[in-house]
Amino acid sequence: MDSNDEQLLRGRVYGQDPSDPHQGPRPGRTYVELVGGPLDGLLLDISGWTQDEADTGVSLQTELGQFGAGGHALYDPRPGDRGRFDWSGDSP
C-alpha cells in the first residue's frame, strides 16, 4: 500500500452514522474519495456498484451545499483515476 492509499484510508465515509465509533473505511469494501465541494475528503462506498453506475457519477444529499437542507452535491468520476470523484456542482 503506497502513501496515497494510506492517506485515503484515514477518511470518514459518507453516509455513516456520526455516532458510529468506527467512522473510517471497512475491510473488503471499495471506496472512492470525494474531491472538492461540500463533501471534500469524504469517502464514498461503491462496493457492489456496476462499472456503468461508477462511470455515471452520483448525486449525494447534503445540507452543506449551496441549496442547504435537501440539496445535493454532484460528483463525477475523475478521468484516468478510478479512486476519485470530482465535484461538479450542487443541485436542489
Protein backbone atom coordinates (compact mmCIF):
# COMPACT_ATOMS: atom_id res chain seq x y z
CA MET A 1 0.00 0.00 0.00
CA ASP A 2 1.51 3.35 -1.01
CA SER A 3 1.24 6.63 0.95
CA ASN A 4 -1.71 7.83 -1.19
CA ASP A 5 -3.67 4.71 -0.25
CA GLU A 6 -2.83 5.16 3.44
CA GLN A 7 -3.98 8.79 3.31
CA LEU A 8 -7.25 7.76 1.63
CA LEU A 9 -7.97 5.17 4.32
CA ARG A 10 -7.83 7.80 7.07
CA GLY A 11 -11.00 9.50 5.77
CA ARG A 12 -14.56 9.34 7.01
CA VAL A 13 -17.18 7.55 4.95
CA TYR A 14 -20.18 9.45 3.52
CA GLY A 15 -23.46 8.25 4.98
CA GLN A 16 -22.09 6.56 8.08
CA ASP A 17 -23.85 7.29 11.35
CA PRO A 18 -21.91 10.08 13.12
CA SER A 19 -22.26 8.22 16.42
CA ASP A 20 -20.59 5.11 14.94
CA PRO A 21 -17.24 4.73 16.72
CA HIS A 22 -15.75 3.29 13.51
CA GLN A 23 -16.04 6.25 11.11
CA GLY A 24 -13.42 5.01 8.68
CA PRO A 25 -13.44 2.54 5.83
CA ARG A 26 -14.09 -1.13 6.46
CA PRO A 27 -12.01 -4.01 5.10
CA GLY A 28 -13.32 -5.69 1.97
CA ARG A 29 -15.20 -2.60 0.76
CA THR A 30 -14.40 -0.40 -2.27
CA TYR A 31 -14.22 3.38 -1.82
CA VAL A 32 -13.62 6.49 -3.88
CA GLU A 33 -12.51 9.82 -2.47
CA LEU A 34 -14.81 12.82 -2.99
CA VAL A 35 -12.73 15.79 -4.16
CA GLY A 36 -13.86 19.40 -3.90
CA GLY A 37 -17.25 20.80 -2.99
CA PRO A 38 -19.09 20.38 0.29
CA LEU A 39 -18.13 16.73 0.81
CA ASP A 40 -14.42 17.16 0.04
CA GLY A 41 -12.28 14.49 1.66
CA LEU A 42 -15.06 12.05 2.47
CA LEU A 43 -15.00 8.52 1.11
CA LEU A 44 -17.92 7.04 -0.80
CA ASP A 45 -18.55 3.30 -0.55
CA ILE A 46 -19.10 2.00 -4.08
CA SER A 47 -18.97 -1.69 -3.18
CA GLY A 48 -21.35 -3.62 -5.39
CA TRP A 49 -21.70 -0.86 -7.98
CA THR A 50 -21.55 -1.92 -11.61
CA GLN A 51 -18.98 -0.27 -13.86
CA ASP A 52 -21.81 1.66 -15.56
CA GLU A 53 -23.00 3.01 -12.20
CA ALA A 54 -19.48 4.07 -11.22
CA ASP A 55 -18.95 5.71 -14.63
CA THR A 56 -22.16 7.75 -14.30
CA GLY A 57 -21.30 9.66 -11.14
CA VAL A 58 -23.54 10.39 -8.20
CA SER A 59 -25.85 12.94 -6.59
CA LEU A 60 -25.38 12.92 -2.80
CA GLN A 61 -27.74 14.53 -0.32
CA THR A 62 -26.07 17.16 1.86
CA GLU A 63 -27.00 20.16 3.97
CA LEU A 64 -23.59 21.69 3.32
CA GLY A 65 -24.08 22.70 -0.32
CA GLN A 66 -25.44 25.81 -1.99
CA PHE A 67 -29.08 24.72 -1.50
CA GLY A 68 -28.90 23.79 2.19
CA ALA A 69 -31.15 21.10 3.66
CA GLY A 70 -32.47 18.81 0.94
CA GLY A 71 -29.78 19.86 -1.53
CA HIS A 72 -27.42 17.56 -3.38
CA ALA A 73 -23.75 17.65 -4.30
CA LEU A 74 -22.90 16.20 -7.71
CA TYR A 75 -19.72 14.17 -8.17
CA ASP A 76 -18.34 12.63 -11.36
CA PRO A 77 -15.57 10.07 -11.79
CA ARG A 78 -12.19 11.62 -12.48
CA PRO A 79 -10.93 10.55 -15.92
CA GLY A 80 -7.93 8.28 -15.56
CA ASP A 81 -8.29 7.95 -11.76
CA ARG A 82 -10.85 5.39 -10.60
CA GLY A 83 -10.18 6.29 -6.96
CA ARG A 84 -11.59 9.82 -7.06
CA PHE A 85 -14.87 11.55 -7.89
CA ASP A 86 -14.67 15.30 -8.56
CA TRP A 87 -17.33 17.78 -7.51
CA SER A 88 -19.24 19.23 -10.47
CA GLY A 89 -21.78 21.41 -8.67
CA ASP A 90 -24.82 21.47 -6.41
CA SER A 91 -28.49 20.94 -7.16
CA PRO A 92 -31.70 21.48 -5.20
